[in-house]
Amino acid sequence: MQHEYDATKDKCPLPLVKMRVMLKKMDTNDSCLIKIADKGSIKDIPKFLARSNYSFTHKTFDNGVVELLIQNR
């Protein structure tokens, strides 16, 4: 199952908090697609994912939105 969260209008720390709740709900082989635009979230979320050993990819779009695809560990 793929969970999705468009956090482009949310400000830090809300995207991080909501993403952590989604990650806890994920089963094995689930993924989470999150879109963020807040500068604090763009900095903090990848750091959290790396520290927590989540596998993820990211894309940055011209409008400043970053899209992260997170795989459950």
PDB file of N, CA and C in Angstrom:
ATOM      1  N   MET A   1       0.839  -1.170   0.000  1.00  0.00           N
ATOM      2  CA  MET A   1       0.000   0.000   0.000  1.00  0.00           C
ATOM      3  C   MET A   1       0.890   1.240   0.000  1.00  0.00           C
ATOM      4  N   GLN A   2       0.470   2.245  -0.732  1.00  0.00           N
ATOM      5  CA  GLN A   2       1.214   3.498  -0.737  1.00  0.00           C
ATOM      6  C   GLN A   2       0.411   4.567  -0.004  1.00  0.00           C
ATOM      7  N   HIS A   3       1.011   5.113   1.032  1.00  0.00           N
ATOM      8  CA  HIS A   3       0.413   6.206   1.793  1.00  0.00           C
ATOM      9  C   HIS A   3       0.891   7.507   1.158  1.00  0.00           C
ATOM     10  N   GLU A   4       0.040   8.529   1.144  1.00  0.00           N
ATOM     11  CA  GLU A   4       0.426   9.813   0.566  1.00  0.00           C
ATOM     12  C   GLU A   4       0.068  10.953   1.500  1.00  0.00           C
ATOM     13  N   TYR A   5       0.929  11.962   1.500  1.00  0.00           N
ATOM     14  CA  TYR A   5       0.700  13.142   2.327  1.00  0.00           C
ATOM     15  C   TYR A   5       1.251  14.358   1.597  1.00  0.00           C
ATOM     16  N   ASP A   6       0.375  15.282   1.255  1.00  0.00           N
ATOM     17  CA  ASP A   6       0.776  16.535   0.619  1.00  0.00           C
ATOM     18  C   ASP A   6       0.920  17.584   1.720  1.00  0.00           C
ATOM     19  N   ALA A   7       2.152  17.847   2.096  1.00  0.00           N
ATOM     20  CA  ALA A   7       2.439  18.792   3.177  1.00  0.00           C
ATOM     21  C   ALA A   7       2.953  20.123   2.647  1.00  0.00           C
ATOM     22  N   THR A   8       2.672  20.425   1.390  1.00  0.00           N
ATOM     23  CA  THR A   8       3.223  21.640   0.788  1.00  0.00           C
ATOM     24  C   THR A   8       2.702  22.914   1.427  1.00  0.00           C
ATOM     25  N   LYS A   9       1.566  22.846   2.090  1.00  0.00           N
ATOM     26  CA  LYS A   9       1.017  24.039   2.746  1.00  0.00           C
ATOM     27  C   LYS A   9       1.264  24.033   4.255  1.00  0.00           C
ATOM     28  N   ASP A  10       1.843  22.969   4.776  1.00  0.00           N
ATOM     29  CA  ASP A  10       2.100  22.844   6.208  1.00  0.00           C
ATOM     30  C   ASP A  10       3.499  23.347   6.557  1.00  0.00           C
ATOM     31  N   LYS A  11       3.625  23.900   7.739  1.00  0.00           N
ATOM     32  CA  LYS A  11       4.903  24.420   8.227  1.00  0.00           C
ATOM     33  C   LYS A  11       5.486  23.486   9.275  1.00  0.00           C
ATOM     34  N   CYS A  12       6.807  23.507   9.387  1.00  0.00           N
ATOM     35  CA  CYS A  12       7.543  22.725  10.355  1.00  0.00           C
ATOM     36  C   CYS A  12       7.064  23.066  11.761  1.00  0.00           C
ATOM     37  N   PRO A  13       6.850  22.118  12.622  1.00  0.00           N
ATOM     38  CA  PRO A  13       7.192  20.698  12.586  1.00  0.00           C
ATOM     39  C   PRO A  13       6.042  19.784  12.161  1.00  0.00           C
ATOM     40  N   LEU A  14       4.906  20.330  11.720  1.00  0.00           N
ATOM     41  CA  LEU A  14       3.749  19.513  11.397  1.00  0.00           C
ATOM     42  C   LEU A  14       4.037  18.412  10.371  1.00  0.00           C
ATOM     43  N   PRO A  15       4.737  18.677   9.259  1.00  0.00           N
ATOM     44  CA  PRO A  15       5.016  17.588   8.310  1.00  0.00           C
ATOM     45  C   PRO A  15       5.804  16.435   8.934  1.00  0.00           C
ATOM     46  N   LEU A  16       6.775  16.752   9.774  1.00  0.00           N
ATOM     47  CA  LEU A  16       7.567  15.701  10.427  1.00  0.00           C
ATOM     48  C   LEU A  16       6.701  14.876  11.367  1.00  0.00           C
ATOM     49  N   VAL A  17       5.868  15.531  12.142  1.00  0.00           N
ATOM     50  CA  VAL A  17       5.004  14.833  13.095  1.00  0.00           C
ATOM     51  C   VAL A  17       4.016  13.924  12.358  1.00  0.00           C
ATOM     52  N   LYS A  18       3.359  14.452  11.330  1.00  0.00           N
ATOM     53  CA  LYS A  18       2.381  13.648  10.587  1.00  0.00           C
ATOM     54  C   LYS A  18       3.053  12.494   9.840  1.00  0.00           C
ATOM     55  N   MET A  19       4.259  12.752   9.300  1.00  0.00           N
ATOM     56  CA  MET A  19       4.972  11.689   8.601  1.00  0.00           C
ATOM     57  C   MET A  19       5.334  10.565   9.560  1.00  0.00           C
ATOM     58  N   ARG A  20       5.776  10.898  10.765  1.00  0.00           N
ATOM     59  CA  ARG A  20       6.135   9.865  11.749  1.00  0.00           C
ATOM     60  C   ARG A  20       4.924   9.010  12.106  1.00  0.00           C
ATOM     61  N   VAL A  21       3.744   9.610  12.210  1.00  0.00           N
ATOM     62  CA  VAL A  21       2.522   8.856  12.482  1.00  0.00           C
ATOM     63  C   VAL A  21       2.233   7.900  11.321  1.00  0.00           C
ATOM     64  N   MET A  22       2.395   8.391  10.086  1.00  0.00           N
ATOM     65  CA  MET A  22       2.169   7.539   8.913  1.00  0.00           C
ATOM     66  C   MET A  22       3.155   6.384   8.876  1.00  0.00           C
ATOM     67  N   LEU A  23       4.416   6.647   9.207  1.00  0.00           N
ATOM     68  CA  LEU A  23       5.427   5.592   9.178  1.00  0.00           C
ATOM     69  C   LEU A  23       5.109   4.488  10.179  1.00  0.00           C
ATOM     70  N   LYS A  24       4.562   4.852  11.327  1.00  0.00           N
ATOM     71  CA  LYS A  24       4.199   3.850  12.335  1.00  0.00           C
ATOM     72  C   LYS A  24       3.053   2.964  11.863  1.00  0.00           C
ATOM     73  N   LYS A  25       2.202   3.488  10.989  1.00  0.00           N
ATOM     74  CA  LYS A  25       1.050   2.732  10.490  1.00  0.00           C
ATOM     75  C   LYS A  25       1.405   1.822   9.311  1.00  0.00           C
ATOM     76  N   MET A  26       2.587   2.000   8.749  1.00  0.00           N
ATOM     77  CA  MET A  26       2.965   1.250   7.564  1.00  0.00           C
ATOM     78  C   MET A  26       3.299  -0.204   7.887  1.00  0.00           C
ATOM     79  N   ASP A  27       2.884  -1.086   6.987  1.00  0.00           N
ATOM     80  CA  ASP A  27       3.227  -2.498   7.075  1.00  0.00           C
ATOM     81  C   ASP A  27       4.466  -2.766   6.232  1.00  0.00           C
ATOM     82  N   THR A  28       4.985  -3.973   6.315  1.00  0.00           N
ATOM     83  CA  THR A  28       6.119  -4.375   5.495  1.00  0.00           C
ATOM     84  C   THR A  28       5.769  -4.186   4.023  1.00  0.00           C
ATOM     85  N   ASN A  29       6.701  -3.673   3.259  1.00  0.00           N
ATOM     86  CA  ASN A  29       6.574  -3.412   1.825  1.00  0.00           C
ATOM     87  C   ASN A  29       5.659  -2.250   1.484  1.00  0.00           C
ATOM     88  N   ASP A  30       5.158  -1.512   2.458  1.00  0.00           N
ATOM     89  CA  ASP A  30       4.403  -0.294   2.182  1.00  0.00           C
ATOM     90  C   ASP A  30       5.383   0.834   1.853  1.00  0.00           C
ATOM     91  N   SER A  31       4.859   1.872   1.232  1.00  0.00           N
ATOM     92  CA  SER A  31       5.667   3.053   0.954  1.00  0.00           C
ATOM     93  C   SER A  31       4.863   4.298   1.316  1.00  0.00           C
ATOM     94  N   CYS A  32       5.564   5.407   1.412  1.00  0.00           N
ATOM     95  CA  CYS A  32       4.941   6.680   1.778  1.00  0.00           C
ATOM     96  C   CYS A  32       5.484   7.752   0.838  1.00  0.00           C
ATOM     97  N   LEU A  33       4.600   8.454   0.169  1.00  0.00           N
ATOM     98  CA  LEU A  33       4.973   9.554  -0.710  1.00  0.00           C
ATOM     99  C   LEU A  33       4.585  10.844  -0.010  1.00  0.00           C
ATOM    100  N   ILE A  34       5.562  11.685   0.275  1.00  0.00           N
ATOM    101  CA  ILE A  34       5.305  12.946   0.965  1.00  0.00           C
ATOM    102  C   ILE A  34       5.868  14.090   0.136  1.00  0.00           C
ATOM    103  N   LYS A  35       5.079  15.154   0.033  1.00  0.00           N
ATOM    104  CA  LYS A  35       5.506  16.361  -0.682  1.00  0.00           C
ATOM    105  C   LYS A  35       5.632  17.477   0.341  1.00  0.00           C
ATOM    106  N   ILE A  36       6.797  18.135   0.343  1.00  0.00           N
ATOM    107  CA  ILE A  36       7.059  19.200   1.307  1.00  0.00           C
ATOM    108  C   ILE A  36       7.621  20.430   0.598  1.00  0.00           C
ATOM    109  N   ALA A  37       7.376  21.604   1.185  1.00  0.00           N
ATOM    110  CA  ALA A  37       7.893  22.842   0.616  1.00  0.00           C
ATOM    111  C   ALA A  37       8.537  23.731   1.678  1.00  0.00           C
ATOM    112  N   ASP A  38       8.222  23.490   2.938  1.00  0.00           N
ATOM    113  CA  ASP A  38       8.759  24.277   4.036  1.00  0.00           C
ATOM    114  C   ASP A  38      10.261  24.017   4.184  1.00  0.00           C
ATOM    115  N   LYS A  39      11.057  25.078   4.274  1.00  0.00           N
ATOM    116  CA  LYS A  39      12.516  24.932   4.331  1.00  0.00           C
ATOM    117  C   LYS A  39      12.983  24.101   5.526  1.00  0.00           C
ATOM    118  N   GLY A  40      12.327  24.280   6.668  1.00  0.00           N
ATOM    119  CA  GLY A  40      12.698  23.495   7.847  1.00  0.00           C
ATOM    120  C   GLY A  40      12.433  22.021   7.646  1.00  0.00           C
ATOM    121  N   SER A  41      11.296  21.704   7.040  1.00  0.00           N
ATOM    122  CA  SER A  41      10.948  20.303   6.773  1.00  0.00           C
ATOM    123  C   SER A  41      11.871  19.692   5.740  1.00  0.00           C
ATOM    124  N   ILE A  42      12.229  20.459   4.721  1.00  0.00           N
ATOM    125  CA  ILE A  42      13.138  19.964   3.682  1.00  0.00           C
ATOM    126  C   ILE A  42      14.492  19.600   4.292  1.00  0.00           C
ATOM    127  N   LYS A  43      14.872  20.308   5.321  1.00  0.00           N
ATOM    128  CA  LYS A  43      16.140  20.036   6.011  1.00  0.00           C
ATOM    129  C   LYS A  43      15.996  18.890   7.021  1.00  0.00           C
ATOM    130  N   ASP A  44      14.924  18.920   7.817  1.00  0.00           N
ATOM    131  CA  ASP A  44      14.783  17.996   8.941  1.00  0.00           C
ATOM    132  C   ASP A  44      14.316  16.590   8.567  1.00  0.00           C
ATOM    133  N   ILE A  45      13.395  16.482   7.627  1.00  0.00           N
ATOM    134  CA  ILE A  45      12.813  15.167   7.318  1.00  0.00           C
ATOM    135  C   ILE A  45      13.847  14.193   6.749  1.00  0.00           C
ATOM    136  N   PRO A  46      14.656  14.581   5.759  1.00  0.00           N
ATOM    137  CA  PRO A  46      15.672  13.629   5.286  1.00  0.00           C
ATOM    138  C   PRO A  46      16.667  13.215   6.380  1.00  0.00           C
ATOM    139  N   LYS A  47      17.016  14.140   7.269  1.00  0.00           N
ATOM    140  CA  LYS A  47      17.916  13.797   8.385  1.00  0.00           C
ATOM    141  C   LYS A  47      17.268  12.754   9.288  1.00  0.00           C
ATOM    142  N   PHE A  48      15.994  12.957   9.617  1.00  0.00           N
ATOM    143  CA  PHE A  48      15.280  11.993  10.459  1.00  0.00           C
ATOM    144  C   PHE A  48      15.237  10.625   9.781  1.00  0.00           C
ATOM    145  N   LEU A  49      14.911  10.587   8.485  1.00  0.00           N
ATOM    146  CA  LEU A  49      14.812   9.315   7.768  1.00  0.00           C
ATOM    147  C   LEU A  49      16.153   8.593   7.738  1.00  0.00           C
ATOM    148  N   ALA A  50      17.235   9.322   7.502  1.00  0.00           N
ATOM    149  CA  ALA A  50      18.569   8.718   7.461  1.00  0.00           C
ATOM    150  C   ALA A  50      18.950   8.160   8.834  1.00  0.00           C
ATOM    151  N   ARG A  51      18.694   8.931   9.901  1.00  0.00           N
ATOM    152  CA  ARG A  51      19.008   8.469  11.260  1.00  0.00           C
ATOM    153  C   ARG A  51      18.187   7.245  11.637  1.00  0.00           C
ATOM    154  N   SER A  52      16.976   7.160  11.106  1.00  0.00           N
ATOM    155  CA  SER A  52      16.070   6.058  11.446  1.00  0.00           C
ATOM    156  C   SER A  52      16.202   4.877  10.489  1.00  0.00           C
ATOM    157  N   ASN A  53      17.174   4.941   9.586  1.00  0.00           N
ATOM    158  CA  ASN A  53      17.473   3.866   8.628  1.00  0.00           C
ATOM    159  C   ASN A  53      16.338   3.556   7.651  1.00  0.00           C
ATOM    160  N   TYR A  54      15.577   4.571   7.261  1.00  0.00           N
ATOM    161  CA  TYR A  54      14.575   4.387   6.220  1.00  0.00           C
ATOM    162  C   TYR A  54      15.236   4.587   4.866  1.00  0.00           C
ATOM    163  N   SER A  55      14.822   3.791   3.907  1.00  0.00           N
ATOM    164  CA  SER A  55      15.286   3.938   2.534  1.00  0.00           C
ATOM    165  C   SER A  55      14.343   4.921   1.838  1.00  0.00           C
ATOM    166  N   PHE A  56      14.916   5.941   1.192  1.00  0.00           N
ATOM    167  CA  PHE A  56      14.064   6.915   0.526  1.00  0.00           C
ATOM    168  C   PHE A  56      14.783   7.532  -0.668  1.00  0.00           C
ATOM    169  N   THR A  57      13.988   8.024  -1.591  1.00  0.00           N
ATOM    170  CA  THR A  57      14.499   8.788  -2.730  1.00  0.00           C
ATOM    171  C   THR A  57      13.815  10.144  -2.699  1.00  0.00           C
ATOM    172  N   HIS A  58      14.440  11.119  -3.333  1.00  0.00           N
ATOM    173  CA  HIS A  58      13.816  12.446  -3.365  1.00  0.00           C
ATOM    174  C   HIS A  58      13.984  13.093  -4.723  1.00  0.00           C
ATOM    175  N   LYS A  59      13.008  13.940  -5.033  1.00  0.00           N
ATOM    176  CA  LYS A  59      13.043  14.750  -6.251  1.00  0.00           C
ATOM    177  C   LYS A  59      12.754  16.181  -5.835  1.00  0.00           C
ATOM    178  N   THR A  60      13.455  17.129  -6.443  1.00  0.00           N
ATOM    179  CA  THR A  60      13.188  18.539  -6.204  1.00  0.00           C
ATOM    180  C   THR A  60      12.634  19.135  -7.491  1.00  0.00           C
ATOM    181  N   PHE A  61      11.518  19.816  -7.363  1.00  0.00           N
ATOM    182  CA  PHE A  61      10.868  20.416  -8.516  1.00  0.00           C
ATOM    183  C   PHE A  61      11.175  21.912  -8.578  1.00  0.00           C
ATOM    184  N   ASP A  62      10.973  22.505  -9.751  1.00  0.00           N
ATOM    185  CA  ASP A  62      11.290  23.916  -9.970  1.00  0.00           C
ATOM    186  C   ASP A  62      10.542  24.860  -9.033  1.00  0.00           C
ATOM    187  N   ASN A  63       9.371  24.456  -8.578  1.00  0.00           N
ATOM    188  CA  ASN A  63       8.578  25.328  -7.700  1.00  0.00           C
ATOM    189  C   ASN A  63       9.005  25.219  -6.230  1.00  0.00           C
ATOM    190  N   GLY A  64      10.094  24.504  -5.951  1.00  0.00           N
ATOM    191  CA  GLY A  64      10.612  24.378  -4.597  1.00  0.00           C
ATOM    192  C   GLY A  64      10.050  23.221  -3.800  1.00  0.00           C
ATOM    193  N   VAL A  65       9.152  22.452  -4.402  1.00  0.00           N
ATOM    194  CA  VAL A  65       8.562  21.309  -3.720  1.00  0.00           C
ATOM    195  C   VAL A  65       9.526  20.131  -3.799  1.00  0.00           C
ATOM    196  N   VAL A  66       9.673  19.447  -2.681  1.00  0.00           N
ATOM    197  CA  VAL A  66      10.486  18.237  -2.623  1.00  0.00           C
ATOM    198  C   VAL A  66       9.543  17.063  -2.392  1.00  0.00           C
ATOM    199  N   GLU A  67       9.727  16.032  -3.196  1.00  0.00           N
ATOM    200  CA  GLU A  67       8.906  14.819  -3.096  1.00  0.00           C
ATOM    201  C   GLU A  67       9.795  13.694  -2.599  1.00  0.00           C
ATOM    202  N   LEU A  68       9.387  13.062  -1.496  1.00  0.00           N
ATOM    203  CA  LEU A  68      10.141  11.968  -0.914  1.00  0.00           C
ATOM    204  C   LEU A  68       9.323  10.683  -1.023  1.00  0.00           C
ATOM    205  N   LEU A  69       9.944   9.629  -1.511  1.00  0.00           N
ATOM    206  CA  LEU A  69       9.314   8.314  -1.558  1.00  0.00           C
ATOM    207  C   LEU A  69      10.065   7.441  -0.560  1.00  0.00           C
ATOM    208  N   ILE A  70       9.354   7.050   0.501  1.00  0.00           N
ATOM    209  CA  ILE A  70       9.950   6.327   1.621  1.00  0.00           C
ATOM    210  C   ILE A  70       9.479   4.883   1.583  1.00  0.00           C
ATOM    211  N   GLN A  71      10.433   3.962   1.683  1.00  0.00           N
ATOM    212  CA  GLN A  71      10.117   2.537   1.726  1.00  0.00           C
ATOM    213  C   GLN A  71      10.182   2.067   3.173  1.00  0.00           C
ATOM    214  N   ASN A  72       9.233   1.239   3.564  1.00  0.00           N
ATOM    215  CA  ASN A  72       9.264   0.709   4.921  1.00  0.00           C
ATOM    216  C   ASN A  72      10.447  -0.247   5.057  1.00  0.00           C
ATOM    217  N   ARG A  73      11.078  -0.224   6.195  1.00  0.00           N
ATOM    218  CA  ARG A  73      12.258  -1.051   6.428  1.00  0.00           C
ATOM    219  C   ARG A  73      11.892  -2.459   6.794  1.00  0.00           C
TER     220      ARG A  73
END
